[in-house]
Protein backbone atom coordinates (compact mmCIF):
# COMPACT_ATOMS: atom_id res chain seq x y z
CA PHE A 1 103.28 105.08 79.84
CA ALA A 2 103.06 104.46 76.08
CA GLN A 3 106.52 102.90 76.13
CA ALA A 4 105.65 100.89 79.22
CA TYR A 5 102.47 99.55 77.55
CA ASP A 6 104.39 98.47 74.46
CA VAL A 7 107.07 96.79 76.57
CA MET A 8 104.42 94.75 78.48
CA VAL A 9 102.82 93.67 75.28
CA ARG A 10 106.13 92.50 73.87
CA SER A 11 107.17 90.77 77.12
CA LEU A 12 103.94 88.81 77.27
CA ALA A 13 104.27 87.79 73.64
CA ASP A 14 107.95 86.74 74.07
CA ALA A 15 107.25 84.77 77.32
CA GLY A 16 104.29 83.06 75.63
CA ARG A 17 106.55 81.56 73.07
CA LEU A 18 108.73 79.82 75.66
CA GLN A 19 108.44 76.04 75.66
CA SER A 20 108.11 76.12 79.50
CA PRO A 21 106.45 79.40 80.54
CA ASP A 22 106.06 77.96 83.98
CA LEU A 23 109.72 78.77 84.52
CA LEU A 24 108.59 82.45 84.90
CA THR A 25 106.05 81.83 87.65
CA HIS A 26 108.48 83.15 90.35
CA TYR A 27 108.23 86.45 88.51
CA GLN A 28 104.43 86.35 88.89
CA TYR A 29 104.09 85.63 85.13
CA PRO A 30 101.91 86.65 83.42
CA VAL A 31 99.86 88.61 85.94
CA ALA A 32 102.49 91.15 86.96
CA ALA A 33 103.03 92.26 83.33
CA MET A 34 99.25 92.33 82.75
CA VAL A 35 98.62 94.51 85.81
CA TYR A 36 101.34 97.01 84.72
CA GLN A 37 99.88 97.00 81.23
CA ALA A 38 96.51 97.88 82.78
CA PHE A 39 98.09 100.75 84.76
CA ALA A 40 99.62 102.12 81.60
CA ALA A 41 96.40 101.80 79.60
CA TYR A 42 94.48 103.70 82.36
CA CYS A 43 97.03 106.52 82.51
CA LEU A 44 96.93 106.79 78.74
CA GLY A 45 93.20 107.41 79.04
CA ARG A 46 91.85 103.97 78.22
CA PRO A 47 89.98 102.87 81.42
CA GLU A 48 87.80 100.28 79.65
CA GLU A 49 90.86 98.47 78.37
CA ALA A 50 92.55 98.75 81.81
CA ARG A 51 89.50 97.07 83.39
CA ALA A 52 89.44 94.30 80.85
CA ILE A 53 93.16 93.48 81.23
CA SER A 54 92.94 93.61 85.03
CA ASP A 55 89.89 91.30 85.04
CA GLN A 56 91.81 88.77 83.00
CA ALA A 57 94.89 89.09 85.36
CA LEU A 58 92.64 88.47 88.37
CA ALA A 59 91.12 85.37 86.78
CA ILE A 60 94.62 83.98 86.11
CA SER A 61 95.99 84.84 89.57
CA ARG A 62 93.17 83.00 91.27
CA GLN A 63 94.66 79.86 89.76
CA SER A 64 98.11 80.76 90.88
CA ALA A 65 100.09 80.71 94.11
CA GLN A 66 98.56 82.61 97.01
CA PHE A 67 101.34 85.24 97.06
CA THR A 68 100.94 85.82 93.34
CA HIS A 69 97.20 86.24 93.86
CA SER A 70 97.61 88.57 96.90
CA LEU A 71 100.17 90.73 95.00
CA THR A 72 97.76 90.95 91.98
CA LEU A 73 94.90 91.99 94.33
CA ALA A 74 97.10 94.61 95.95
CA ASN A 75 98.17 96.09 92.67
CA ILE A 76 94.70 96.09 91.12
CA LEU A 77 93.47 97.92 94.27
CA ILE A 78 95.87 100.71 93.29
CA LEU A 79 94.15 100.82 89.96
CA GLU A 80 90.83 100.98 91.76
CA ARG A 81 91.99 103.88 93.92
CA MET A 82 93.25 105.69 90.82
CA GLN A 83 89.57 105.66 89.74
CA HIS A 84 88.27 106.56 93.28
CA GLY A 85 86.78 103.09 93.54
CA THR A 86 84.54 101.07 91.21
CA ASP A 87 81.81 98.42 91.50
CA ARG A 88 84.43 95.73 92.33
CA THR A 89 86.62 97.56 94.93
CA ALA A 90 84.87 96.21 98.03
CA ALA A 91 84.99 92.57 96.88
CA LEU A 92 88.65 92.80 95.91
CA LEU A 93 89.48 94.31 99.32
CA GLU A 94 87.54 91.55 101.11
CA GLU A 95 89.36 88.93 99.13
CA LEU A 96 92.77 90.43 100.01
CA GLU A 97 91.77 90.83 103.66
CA HIS A 98 91.02 87.11 103.83
CA ILE A 99 94.54 86.26 102.56
CA ALA A 100 96.20 88.89 104.74
CA LEU A 101 94.67 87.63 107.92
CA ALA A 102 95.47 84.03 107.02
CA ARG A 103 99.10 84.89 106.38
CA GLY A 104 99.40 87.20 109.40
CA ALA A 105 101.99 89.40 107.68
CA PRO A 106 101.94 92.99 109.15
CA PHE A 107 102.56 94.52 105.74
CA TRP A 108 99.48 92.81 104.12
CA VAL A 109 97.25 93.41 107.17
CA ASP A 110 98.03 97.10 107.27
CA LEU A 111 97.77 97.44 103.52
CA VAL A 112 94.23 96.24 103.84
CA GLY A 113 93.81 98.72 106.74
CA TYR A 114 94.99 101.53 104.49
CA HIS A 115 92.21 100.81 102.00
CA GLN A 116 89.69 100.35 104.76
CA GLY A 117 90.79 103.81 106.00
CA MET A 118 89.93 105.19 102.58
CA ASP A 119 86.52 103.60 102.92
CA ASP A 120 86.13 105.05 106.42
CA VAL A 121 86.73 108.56 104.98
CA ALA A 122 84.20 107.98 102.21
CA ARG A 123 81.62 107.05 104.87
CA GLY A 124 82.36 110.22 106.85
CA ASP A 125 84.52 108.74 109.64
CA LEU A 126 87.48 110.99 108.90
CA GLU A 127 89.59 110.49 111.98
CA THR A 128 89.39 106.72 111.98
CA GLY A 129 90.20 106.70 108.27
CA ILE A 130 93.23 108.94 108.63
CA ALA A 131 94.51 106.94 111.64
CA ARG A 132 94.32 103.69 109.67
CA MET A 133 96.09 105.19 106.63
CA ARG A 134 98.86 106.61 108.86
CA GLN A 135 99.28 103.35 110.61
CA ALA A 136 99.78 101.57 107.30
CA LEU A 137 102.38 104.12 106.14
CA ALA A 138 104.21 103.64 109.47
CA THR A 139 104.23 99.80 108.90
CA PHE A 140 105.48 100.30 105.39
CA GLU A 141 108.31 102.46 106.74
CA ALA A 142 109.15 99.99 109.45
CA ASN A 143 109.40 97.25 106.85
CA SER A 144 111.55 99.28 104.50
CA VAL A 145 108.88 99.33 101.78
CA GLU A 146 109.63 101.91 99.07
CA VAL A 147 107.63 100.95 96.04
CA GLU A 148 104.29 102.81 95.56
CA ILE A 149 104.67 104.78 98.77
CA PRO A 150 104.48 108.20 96.94
CA PHE A 151 101.06 107.20 95.58
CA TYR A 152 99.76 106.12 99.04
CA GLU A 153 101.10 109.38 100.47
CA ALA A 154 99.40 111.36 97.80
CA MET A 155 96.00 109.73 98.43
CA LEU A 156 96.27 110.52 102.12
CA ALA A 157 97.32 114.07 101.27
CA GLU A 158 94.23 114.46 99.17
CA VAL A 159 92.09 113.38 102.15
CA LEU A 160 93.82 115.91 104.32
CA ILE A 161 93.42 118.72 101.74
CA ASP A 162 89.73 118.03 101.51
CA ALA A 163 89.58 118.27 105.32
CA GLY A 164 91.36 121.60 105.33
CA ARG A 165 94.45 120.14 107.00
CA ILE A 166 96.88 121.74 104.59
CA THR A 167 100.04 121.63 106.77
CA GLU A 168 99.72 117.89 107.27
CA ALA A 169 99.09 117.38 103.58
CA ASP A 170 102.04 119.47 102.59
CA SER A 171 104.37 117.49 104.79
CA LEU A 172 103.28 114.24 103.17
CA LEU A 173 103.69 115.71 99.72
CA VAL A 174 107.26 116.88 100.56
CA ASP A 175 108.11 113.33 101.53
CA ALA A 176 106.48 111.93 98.48
CA ARG A 177 108.50 114.21 96.17
CA ALA A 178 111.76 113.27 98.01
CA ARG A 179 110.94 109.58 97.47
CA VAL A 180 110.29 110.19 93.76
CA GLU A 181 113.62 111.88 93.44
CA ARG A 182 115.44 109.21 95.34
CA THR A 183 113.89 106.17 93.73
CA ARG A 184 112.82 107.60 90.30
CA GLU A 185 109.36 106.09 90.71
CA ARG A 186 107.77 108.81 88.64
CA TRP A 187 104.43 107.39 87.62
CA PRO A 188 102.34 109.34 90.31
CA LEU A 189 104.42 112.54 90.01
CA ALA A 190 101.71 114.45 88.12
CA GLU A 191 99.23 113.67 90.85
CA ILE A 192 101.65 114.86 93.53
CA LEU A 193 102.13 118.06 91.65
CA ARG A 194 98.31 118.52 91.35
CA LEU A 195 97.98 118.24 95.09
CA GLU A 196 100.97 120.56 95.65
CA MET A 197 99.14 123.06 93.46
CA ALA A 198 96.05 122.64 95.61
CA CYS A 199 98.11 123.17 98.84
CA ALA A 200 99.82 126.27 97.56
CA ALA A 201 96.53 127.73 96.42
CA ALA A 202 94.93 127.00 99.78
CA THR A 203 97.63 128.99 101.53
CA GLY A 204 97.24 131.90 99.10
CA ASP A 205 100.54 131.36 97.35
CA ARG A 206 99.18 131.44 93.79
CA ASP A 207 102.61 131.92 92.21
CA ALA A 208 103.77 128.60 93.72
CA ALA A 209 100.46 127.04 92.65
CA ARG A 210 101.05 128.16 89.01
CA ARG A 211 104.64 126.73 89.16
CA HIS A 212 103.22 123.35 90.21
CA LEU A 213 100.68 123.62 87.43
CA THR A 214 103.33 124.32 84.83
CA GLU A 215 105.51 121.44 86.11
CA GLY A 216 102.53 119.12 86.16
CA ARG A 217 101.66 119.94 82.63
CA THR A 218 105.24 119.20 81.56
CA VAL A 219 105.20 115.83 83.34
CA CYS A 220 101.80 114.90 81.84
CA ALA A 221 102.95 115.79 78.33
CA ALA A 222 106.21 113.81 78.72
CA GLN A 223 104.37 110.81 80.05
CA ALA A 224 101.33 111.04 77.68
CA ALA A 225 99.39 110.90 80.99
CA THR A 226 95.91 111.73 79.71
CA ILE A 227 94.13 110.80 82.95
CA TRP A 228 96.42 112.83 85.15
CA ALA A 229 96.29 115.80 82.76
CA GLU A 230 92.53 115.87 82.87
CA ARG A 231 92.59 116.00 86.66
CA LEU A 232 95.28 118.62 86.76
CA GLU A 233 93.42 120.91 84.40
CA ALA A 234 90.06 120.38 86.15
CA ASP A 235 91.56 121.44 89.49
CA ALA A 236 93.43 124.38 87.89
CA ARG A 237 90.06 125.67 86.51
CA LYS A 238 88.34 125.24 89.93
CA LEU A 239 91.14 127.24 91.52
CA GLY A 240 91.02 129.90 88.86
CA LEU A 241 94.69 129.50 88.01
CA ALA A 242 94.67 129.24 84.27
CA ALA A 243 92.84 128.21 81.13
CA PRO A 244 93.32 124.53 80.27
CA ALA A 245 96.31 123.39 78.24
CA PRO A 246 95.86 120.89 75.37
CA HIS A 247 95.66 117.36 76.64
CA PRO A 248 98.27 114.81 75.39
CA ALA A 249 96.83 112.54 72.81
CA PRO A 250 96.00 109.00 74.11
CA GLY A 251 98.81 106.60 73.33
CA ALA A 252 101.23 109.35 72.34
CA SER A 253 104.94 108.40 72.70
CA ALA A 254 106.48 109.29 76.08
CA MET A 255 109.82 110.95 76.40
CA PRO A 256 112.65 108.60 77.38
CA GLY A 257 112.72 108.07 81.15
CA ALA A 258 109.57 110.08 81.74
CA ALA A 259 107.58 107.15 83.23
């Protein structure tokens, strides 16, 4: 994440020196780079900076093409879910829903439905929420969507773990791990491992839980993933698995290929 943050800073600086930066608009310049910079800042343990960068990206995207704006909203909603929601989550979701319904694209409509399912769960309507989230994952699969699916699967798995539905959660996490291995989209891996630890502990397999904890610590250290490390250690303490390991320092250099 430290390397990714630095790359985004350099890319924005380099693109800003072009005589015609509008040439990069089909790459969602500059908001795509800004959103990923915000992701990196958050995972490095700097949530206030992540919020400021993403707010700026939103303001720019609202003056851009509708697709660019919808993509920015969708990505910032991931940042919102990383934080279990903030004061702006509902408004961002409503804004994306308006665009999704106007466009009529199944992917965008069901992406909104996924987030609405998360909100259903938060309000206590567990079955409706889970059904919406599963419907969205099915639509993503039908449309050959790969990117970010492990994160969405992990969020649903956490809902299922909280509901005591461990077998269902474990099945999702197995698929999420397989996708990570196939696509190398490793940024949510520590969260997947945290949830695998919880599943193993729930079934009484404490040896497996400790293995997941050890692997999660290794991933967090390699990625300088301060936020993920804090969650991993908090859950490990709740489960009585181990004393906390030292957290990676915010902004520490990541190992090559770790993110």
